[in-house]
Protein backbone atom coordinates (compact mmCIF):
# COMPACT_ATOMS: atom_id res chain seq x y z
CA UNK A 1 -41.19 5.65 65.28
CA UNK A 2 -37.68 4.84 64.04
CA UNK A 3 -35.63 7.70 62.63
CA UNK A 4 -33.03 6.93 59.97
CA UNK A 5 -29.35 6.93 60.91
CA UNK A 6 -28.56 9.52 58.28
CA UNK A 7 -30.45 12.16 60.28
CA UNK A 8 -27.86 11.84 63.05
CA UNK A 9 -25.26 13.06 60.57
CA UNK A 10 -26.96 16.44 60.15
CA UNK A 11 -26.24 19.34 62.48
CA UNK A 12 -28.67 22.25 62.73
CA UNK A 13 -27.61 25.47 60.99
CA UNK A 14 -25.93 27.71 63.55
CA UNK A 15 -26.46 30.78 61.37
CA UNK A 16 -30.20 30.23 61.23
CA UNK A 17 -30.31 29.42 64.95
CA UNK A 18 -28.52 32.66 65.90
CA UNK A 19 -30.78 34.68 63.60
CA UNK A 20 -33.89 33.03 65.08
CA UNK A 21 -32.74 33.72 68.65
CA UNK A 22 -31.96 37.35 67.81
CA UNK A 23 -35.41 37.78 66.23
CA UNK A 24 -37.03 36.25 69.31
CA UNK A 25 -35.20 38.73 71.56
CA UNK A 26 -36.26 41.61 69.32
CA UNK A 27 -39.85 40.40 69.42
CA UNK A 28 -39.71 40.52 73.21
CA UNK A 29 -38.72 44.18 73.05
CA UNK A 30 -34.94 43.89 73.38
CA UNK A 31 -32.89 46.12 71.07
CA UNK A 32 -30.64 43.57 69.33
CA UNK A 33 -28.23 44.51 66.55
CA UNK A 34 -28.11 41.59 64.13
CA UNK A 35 -24.93 40.76 62.23
CA UNK A 36 -26.03 37.20 61.49
CA UNK A 37 -28.08 37.50 58.31
CA UNK A 38 -26.60 36.09 55.12
CA UNK A 39 -28.75 38.18 52.82
CA UNK A 40 -28.62 41.72 51.42
CA UNK A 41 -30.70 44.25 53.33
CA UNK A 42 -31.78 45.92 50.09
CA UNK A 43 -35.13 45.28 48.46
CA UNK A 44 -35.36 43.31 45.23
CA UNK A 45 -35.14 45.88 42.39
CA UNK A 46 -38.54 47.09 41.17
CA UNK A 47 -37.87 46.01 37.59
CA UNK A 48 -37.49 42.41 38.79
CA UNK A 49 -40.57 42.55 41.00
CA UNK A 50 -42.58 43.89 38.07
CA UNK A 51 -41.50 40.92 35.96
CA UNK A 52 -42.98 38.61 38.61
CA UNK A 53 -46.23 40.57 38.66
CA UNK A 54 -46.38 40.40 34.86
CA UNK A 55 -45.87 36.64 35.03
CA UNK A 56 -48.83 36.33 37.40
CA UNK A 57 -51.00 38.54 35.18
CA UNK A 58 -50.11 36.38 32.18
CA UNK A 59 -51.05 33.21 34.04
CA UNK A 60 -47.53 31.77 34.26
CA UNK A 61 -48.45 30.08 37.51
CA UNK A 62 -48.46 26.40 36.50
CA UNK A 63 -45.87 23.63 36.54
CA UNK A 64 -42.85 24.19 34.33
CA UNK A 65 -40.27 21.74 33.05
CA UNK A 66 -38.46 20.17 36.01
CA UNK A 67 -35.14 21.82 35.20
CA UNK A 68 -36.49 25.29 34.50
CA UNK A 69 -38.07 27.25 31.68
CA UNK A 70 -36.07 27.67 28.47
CA UNK A 71 -36.12 31.44 28.84
CA UNK A 72 -34.25 31.16 32.14
CA UNK A 73 -31.81 28.56 30.87
CA UNK A 74 -31.06 30.85 27.93
CA UNK A 75 -30.55 33.80 30.29
CA UNK A 76 -28.07 31.70 32.32
CA UNK A 77 -26.26 30.69 29.13
CA UNK A 78 -25.97 34.31 28.01
CA UNK A 79 -24.78 35.38 31.46
CA UNK A 80 -22.01 32.75 31.58
CA UNK A 81 -20.89 33.69 28.07
CA UNK A 82 -21.02 37.42 28.77
CA UNK A 83 -19.26 37.33 32.13
CA UNK A 84 -16.87 34.39 31.82
CA UNK A 85 -16.65 33.58 28.11
CA UNK A 86 -18.06 30.11 28.82
CA UNK A 87 -20.16 28.22 26.28
CA UNK A 88 -23.03 26.03 27.49
CA UNK A 89 -26.24 24.69 25.99
CA UNK A 90 -29.62 24.12 27.58
CA UNK A 91 -28.83 20.53 28.49
CA UNK A 92 -25.83 21.81 30.47
CA UNK A 93 -28.08 23.87 32.77
CA UNK A 94 -30.36 22.91 35.66
CA UNK A 95 -32.42 25.46 37.58
CA UNK A 96 -33.28 24.52 41.17
CA UNK A 97 -34.90 25.92 44.31
CA UNK A 98 -31.94 28.05 45.37
CA UNK A 99 -28.19 27.46 45.22
CA UNK A 100 -28.36 25.34 48.38
CA UNK A 101 -30.72 22.98 46.56
CA UNK A 102 -28.35 22.98 43.58
CA UNK A 103 -25.52 21.90 45.86
CA UNK A 104 -27.65 19.19 47.43
CA UNK A 105 -28.53 17.76 44.02
CA UNK A 106 -24.86 17.77 43.07
CA UNK A 107 -23.54 16.08 46.18
CA UNK A 108 -26.22 13.38 45.99
CA UNK A 109 -25.45 12.69 42.34
CA UNK A 110 -21.65 12.77 42.63
CA UNK A 111 -20.58 11.26 45.95
CA UNK A 112 -21.10 8.11 48.00
CA UNK A 113 -19.61 6.04 50.79
CA UNK A 114 -15.86 5.61 50.39
CA UNK A 115 -15.38 8.94 48.61
CA UNK A 116 -13.55 11.94 50.05
CA UNK A 117 -14.43 15.54 49.27
CA UNK A 118 -12.01 18.35 50.14
CA UNK A 119 -13.56 21.40 51.79
CA UNK A 120 -11.26 24.36 52.51
CA UNK A 121 -11.92 25.89 55.93
CA UNK A 122 -13.37 28.30 56.86
CA UNK A 123 -16.32 26.95 54.89
CA UNK A 124 -20.01 27.64 54.45
CA UNK A 125 -21.83 25.65 57.10
CA UNK A 126 -23.82 23.40 54.72
CA UNK A 127 -20.89 21.97 52.75
CA UNK A 128 -19.75 19.28 55.21
CA UNK A 129 -23.33 18.47 56.20
CA UNK A 130 -24.40 17.83 52.63
CA UNK A 131 -21.32 15.71 51.97
CA UNK A 132 -21.89 13.65 55.12
CA UNK A 133 -25.48 12.85 54.11
CA UNK A 134 -24.17 11.11 50.99
CA UNK A 135 -21.98 8.77 53.07
CA UNK A 136 -18.82 10.38 51.71
CA UNK A 137 -16.21 11.89 54.01
CA UNK A 138 -15.71 15.66 54.14
CA UNK A 139 -11.96 16.30 54.38
CA UNK A 140 -11.34 19.69 55.94
CA UNK A 141 -8.34 21.60 54.59
CA UNK A 142 -7.53 24.42 57.00
CA UNK A 143 -6.35 27.76 55.63
CA UNK A 144 -4.62 30.59 57.45
CA UNK A 145 -5.62 34.17 58.06
CA UNK A 146 -2.05 35.19 57.21
CA UNK A 147 -2.51 33.63 53.76
CA UNK A 148 -5.82 35.35 53.18
CA UNK A 149 -7.87 32.28 54.11
CA UNK A 150 -7.03 30.74 50.72
CA UNK A 151 -5.79 27.26 49.84
CA UNK A 152 -2.02 26.90 49.58
CA UNK A 153 -1.30 24.66 46.62
CA UNK A 154 1.20 22.43 48.46
CA UNK A 155 -1.32 21.83 51.26
CA UNK A 156 -3.97 20.90 48.70
CA UNK A 157 -1.58 18.50 46.98
CA UNK A 158 -0.83 16.81 50.30
CA UNK A 159 -4.55 16.46 51.06
CA UNK A 160 -5.49 14.70 47.83
CA UNK A 161 -5.63 10.90 48.08
CA UNK A 162 -6.76 8.12 45.77
CA UNK A 163 -10.19 8.45 47.42
CA UNK A 164 -10.58 12.15 46.63
CA UNK A 165 -13.54 12.67 44.29
CA UNK A 166 -14.27 16.33 44.76
CA UNK A 167 -13.27 19.75 46.03
CA UNK A 168 -15.53 22.68 46.81
CA UNK A 169 -14.29 26.16 45.96
CA UNK A 170 -16.24 29.18 47.16
CA UNK A 171 -14.97 32.47 45.80
CA UNK A 172 -15.73 35.04 47.10
CA UNK A 173 -16.11 33.13 50.32
CA UNK A 174 -18.74 32.90 52.98
CA UNK A 175 -17.61 33.51 55.74
CA UNK A 176 -14.26 35.21 55.05
CA UNK A 177 -14.84 37.25 51.89
CA UNK A 178 -11.62 35.78 50.45
CA UNK A 179 -11.51 35.53 46.65
CA UNK A 180 -9.16 33.65 44.34
CA UNK A 181 -7.29 35.36 41.53
CA UNK A 182 -7.07 33.81 38.09
CA UNK A 183 -3.47 32.84 38.77
CA UNK A 184 -4.35 31.10 42.03
CA UNK A 185 -7.14 29.16 40.34
CA UNK A 186 -4.77 28.17 37.53
CA UNK A 187 -2.48 26.46 40.05
CA UNK A 188 -5.42 24.47 41.40
CA UNK A 189 -6.56 23.57 37.90
CA UNK A 190 -3.08 22.38 36.95
CA UNK A 191 -2.94 20.18 40.04
CA UNK A 192 -6.32 18.59 39.36
CA UNK A 193 -5.73 17.87 35.67
CA UNK A 194 -5.52 14.14 35.03
CA UNK A 195 -7.22 13.27 38.31
CA UNK A 196 -10.73 11.92 38.81
CA UNK A 197 -11.79 14.93 40.84
CA UNK A 198 -14.84 17.14 40.32
CA UNK A 199 -14.60 20.82 41.20
CA UNK A 200 -17.76 22.34 42.62
CA UNK A 201 -17.33 26.07 42.05
CA UNK A 202 -19.74 28.01 44.26
CA UNK A 203 -19.85 31.42 42.59
CA UNK A 204 -22.90 32.84 44.37
CA UNK A 205 -21.04 36.02 45.47
CA UNK A 206 -19.23 36.63 42.18
CA UNK A 207 -20.84 40.03 41.57
CA UNK A 208 -20.10 41.37 45.05
CA UNK A 209 -16.40 42.25 44.83
CA UNK A 210 -14.35 45.33 45.70
CA UNK A 211 -11.25 47.35 44.91
CA UNK A 212 -11.33 46.43 41.24
CA UNK A 213 -11.06 42.70 41.91
CA UNK A 214 -11.79 40.71 38.75
CA UNK A 215 -13.75 37.55 39.38
CA UNK A 216 -12.59 34.44 37.50
CA UNK A 217 -14.19 31.03 37.24
CA UNK A 218 -11.95 27.99 37.29
CA UNK A 219 -14.15 26.57 34.51
CA UNK A 220 -12.78 29.24 32.20
CA UNK A 221 -9.19 28.01 32.44
CA UNK A 222 -9.29 25.47 29.65
CA UNK A 223 -11.36 22.64 28.20
CA UNK A 224 -10.00 19.96 30.51
CA UNK A 225 -10.80 21.75 33.76
CA UNK A 226 -14.17 22.88 32.41
CA UNK A 227 -15.14 19.22 31.94
CA UNK A 228 -14.30 18.59 35.60
CA UNK A 229 -16.10 21.67 36.94
CA UNK A 230 -19.69 22.33 37.93
CA UNK A 231 -20.63 25.97 38.43
CA UNK A 232 -23.16 26.76 41.14
CA UNK A 233 -24.80 30.17 41.16
CA UNK A 234 -28.11 31.92 41.61
CA UNK A 235 -29.88 35.25 41.94
CA UNK A 236 -30.15 35.40 45.74
CA UNK A 237 -27.14 37.55 46.63
CA UNK A 238 -26.42 39.70 43.58
CA UNK A 239 -30.04 40.73 43.02
CA UNK A 240 -31.24 40.61 46.64
CA UNK A 241 -33.63 37.77 45.82
CA UNK A 242 -32.96 35.38 48.70
CA UNK A 243 -36.62 34.51 49.22
CA UNK A 244 -37.30 33.85 45.55
CA UNK A 245 -35.28 30.60 45.74
CA UNK A 246 -33.68 30.37 42.32
CA UNK A 247 -30.28 28.72 41.89
CA UNK A 248 -28.68 26.94 38.98
CA UNK A 249 -25.82 24.69 37.98
CA UNK A 250 -23.86 24.53 34.75
CA UNK A 251 -21.90 21.40 33.97
CA UNK A 252 -21.53 18.20 31.92
CA UNK A 253 -24.71 16.93 30.26
CA UNK A 254 -24.71 13.54 31.96
CA UNK A 255 -24.44 15.05 35.42
CA UNK A 256 -27.17 17.59 34.66
CA UNK A 257 -29.44 14.77 33.51
CA UNK A 258 -28.90 12.81 36.73
CA UNK A 259 -29.45 15.87 38.93
CA UNK A 260 -32.61 16.67 36.99
CA UNK A 261 -33.92 13.18 37.57
CA UNK A 262 -33.26 13.53 41.31
CA UNK A 263 -35.03 16.88 41.32
CA UNK A 264 -38.00 15.39 39.46
CA UNK A 265 -38.55 13.02 42.38
CA UNK A 266 -38.03 15.62 45.12
CA UNK A 267 -39.11 19.21 44.44
CA UNK A 268 -40.02 19.16 40.73
CA UNK A 269 -39.66 22.63 39.19
CA UNK A 270 -38.69 25.82 41.02
CA UNK A 271 -41.52 28.35 41.43
CA UNK A 272 -42.69 29.46 38.01
CA UNK A 273 -43.18 33.12 38.98
CA UNK A 274 -39.70 33.33 40.51
CA UNK A 275 -38.20 31.87 37.35
CA UNK A 276 -39.64 34.67 35.21
CA UNK A 277 -38.35 37.22 37.71
CA UNK A 278 -34.90 35.59 37.50
CA UNK A 279 -34.93 35.95 33.70
CA UNK A 280 -35.34 39.69 34.14
CA UNK A 281 -32.63 39.77 36.82
CA UNK A 282 -30.02 38.02 34.67
CA UNK A 283 -30.85 40.33 31.76
CA UNK A 284 -30.58 43.49 33.89
CA UNK A 285 -27.62 45.85 33.45
CA UNK A 286 -24.95 45.45 36.11
CA UNK A 287 -25.69 48.94 37.40
CA UNK A 288 -28.62 47.38 39.27
CA UNK A 289 -26.02 45.41 41.25
CA UNK A 290 -23.30 48.06 41.47
CA UNK A 291 -25.50 50.48 43.41
CA UNK A 292 -25.80 47.89 46.17
CA UNK A 293 -22.12 46.91 46.00
CA UNK A 294 -21.00 50.53 46.37
CA UNK A 295 -22.94 50.78 49.63
CA UNK A 296 -21.53 47.44 50.83
CA UNK A 297 -18.05 48.77 50.10
CA UNK A 298 -18.54 51.77 52.39
CA UNK A 299 -19.71 49.49 55.18
CA UNK A 300 -16.86 47.03 54.56
CA UNK A 301 -14.20 49.68 54.97
CA UNK A 302 -15.81 51.11 58.07
CA UNK A 303 -16.39 47.81 59.86
CA UNK A 304 -12.85 46.50 59.26
CA UNK A 305 -11.33 49.73 60.55
CA UNK A 306 -13.68 49.80 63.54
CA UNK A 307 -12.87 46.20 64.45
CA UNK A 308 -9.14 46.94 64.23
CA UNK A 309 -9.56 49.53 67.00
CA UNK A 310 -10.81 46.86 69.40
CA UNK A 311 -8.01 45.60 71.61
CA UNK A 312 -6.91 42.05 70.77
CA UNK A 313 -9.04 41.73 67.61
CA UNK A 314 -7.64 41.29 64.10
CA UNK A 315 -9.59 41.26 60.84
CA UNK A 316 -8.65 40.75 57.19
CA UNK A 317 -10.09 43.09 54.57
CA UNK A 318 -12.52 40.96 52.51
CA UNK A 319 -12.22 41.03 48.73
CA UNK A 320 -15.87 40.16 48.21
CA UNK A 321 -19.23 39.06 49.65
CA UNK A 322 -20.60 41.00 52.66
CA UNK A 323 -18.96 39.39 55.68
CA UNK A 324 -16.01 40.07 57.94
CA UNK A 325 -14.38 37.29 59.94
CA UNK A 326 -12.42 38.79 62.83
CA UNK A 327 -10.17 36.73 65.09
CA UNK A 328 -11.25 37.18 68.71
CA UNK A 329 -9.25 34.31 70.21
CA UNK A 330 -7.06 36.66 72.29
CA UNK A 331 -10.05 36.98 74.59
CA UNK A 332 -10.68 33.27 75.06
CA UNK A 333 -10.10 32.21 78.66
CA UNK A 334 -11.51 35.46 79.99
CA UNK A 335 -14.82 35.75 81.81
CA UNK A 336 -17.70 38.05 82.67
CA UNK A 337 -19.85 37.66 85.78
CA UNK A 338 -18.64 34.09 86.18
CA UNK A 339 -19.25 33.16 82.54
CA UNK A 340 -16.08 31.88 80.88
CA UNK A 341 -15.34 32.53 77.19
CA UNK A 342 -13.91 29.21 76.03
CA UNK A 343 -14.35 29.66 72.28
CA UNK A 344 -16.36 31.30 69.53
CA UNK A 345 -19.69 29.80 70.65
CA UNK A 346 -19.25 31.23 74.14
CA UNK A 347 -18.23 34.57 72.63
CA UNK A 348 -21.31 34.66 70.39
CA UNK A 349 -23.59 33.78 73.29
CA UNK A 350 -21.98 36.44 75.48
CA UNK A 351 -22.33 39.11 72.83
CA UNK A 352 -25.97 38.22 72.24
CA UNK A 353 -27.11 37.74 75.83
CA UNK A 354 -25.05 40.44 77.54
CA UNK A 355 -24.33 42.95 74.77
CA UNK A 356 -27.42 42.58 72.55
CA UNK A 357 -25.38 41.88 69.43
CA UNK A 358 -25.95 38.83 67.23
CA UNK A 359 -22.88 37.35 65.51
CA UNK A 360 -22.19 33.82 64.27
CA UNK A 361 -19.50 31.71 65.97
CA UNK A 362 -16.60 30.73 63.74
CA UNK A 363 -16.85 27.15 64.99
CA UNK A 364 -19.82 26.72 62.65
CA UNK A 365 -17.46 27.46 59.75
CA UNK A 366 -14.59 25.32 60.97
CA UNK A 367 -12.63 28.23 62.49
CA UNK A 368 -13.20 28.51 66.22
CA UNK A 369 -10.87 31.52 66.66
CA UNK A 370 -13.23 33.75 64.74
CA UNK A 371 -16.74 35.16 64.60
CA UNK A 372 -18.66 36.17 61.48
CA UNK A 373 -20.36 39.51 61.08
CA UNK A 374 -22.52 40.35 58.10
CA UNK A 375 -22.43 43.99 57.06
CA UNK A 376 -25.66 43.56 55.13
CA UNK A 377 -27.26 45.99 57.55
CA UNK A 378 -27.40 49.75 57.89
CA UNK A 379 -24.36 51.85 58.71
CA UNK A 380 -26.20 53.04 61.83
CA UNK A 381 -26.58 49.44 63.01
CA UNK A 382 -22.94 48.71 62.21
CA UNK A 383 -21.69 51.68 64.24
CA UNK A 384 -23.92 50.86 67.21
CA UNK A 385 -23.16 47.14 67.04
CA UNK A 386 -19.38 47.56 66.90
CA UNK A 387 -19.50 49.95 69.86
CA UNK A 388 -21.40 47.31 71.82
CA UNK A 389 -18.86 44.65 70.88
CA UNK A 390 -15.99 46.92 71.84
CA UNK A 391 -17.60 47.69 75.19
CA UNK A 392 -18.45 44.03 75.78
CA UNK A 393 -14.92 42.85 75.10
CA UNK A 394 -13.49 45.57 77.37
CA UNK A 395 -15.58 44.15 80.22
CA UNK A 396 -14.04 40.68 79.95
CA UNK A 397 -11.58 39.91 82.73
CA UNK A 398 -8.73 37.44 82.98
């Protein structure tokens, strides 16, 4: 059996692999503290679950329109108007099987061989993989911890070529928690104006922000940039609905039509029951979200402070999402029981196998100096896990 060449372009998800290995160790009776999960540890709110049950009772269990039910499209439209002051119509919206599916539809519809797509690093692991599948070239633009892991406008300008057809912005970011201010986004928008470049704005963590940070969408910075921007979002993170698999995009009508056609020949509609639950989620008061965010904030402050007490480890305070991205590179070159720590993958393996702590290596995100920890776990787990990391690092010898 011959396998297509495109499959050689895809790398397995390191985040899922680490999580799977940690679960396997737990199943064997080993007490593993998991910092790998990219999902809230809170249950889906009861009011949303009830909406799904009601949908089942009413028999809403059949096929829907490929791009989503009108009730959900209307809820998305109201949300974008309410939160960002953006005006869209139903034919500007496509509902898909999670935000990852939304991104896949977009990259397939927008990019092809010969194109370049700029991806600021650290990046979410699926961005370069999805770009590569299209035949386009992912162009990695490295950012610095000292600059908050955000794109410097001069570096972006120097990265753009006549082949550049897209840029992916993720704010707040997975894995760093970095978030762009309105002013920072305005500089990017001004640079892109007049160029044939599409902005993919991944806003999936927009509701999970701290310290009074005000989320802004680049699409809201004028008519010209709005025409060049596609918003990607969903209900997974804000409403703790990762398993419900509902994402959506908002963008130009022609692009939405093409993505819908692609979806019609791949997945068809997202799950009908989940769509009705998502309607309720998007119509819920923000207090449903804020209760969860307040708890994340407590964990965020604790974990950053705790990491800062570990010798040779530095960590920025994230503005959003539920990840920290500490730099552990001061300990590269050290060893434990003959095992050398050459980079983030070695560090992650050491922490899992010898310290019973699951983290994700920064190499998966294009930043080998770092590891990613999700604080979407209990404060008890965080305290125990950080103590294990601290002890494990102290045992490394030069």
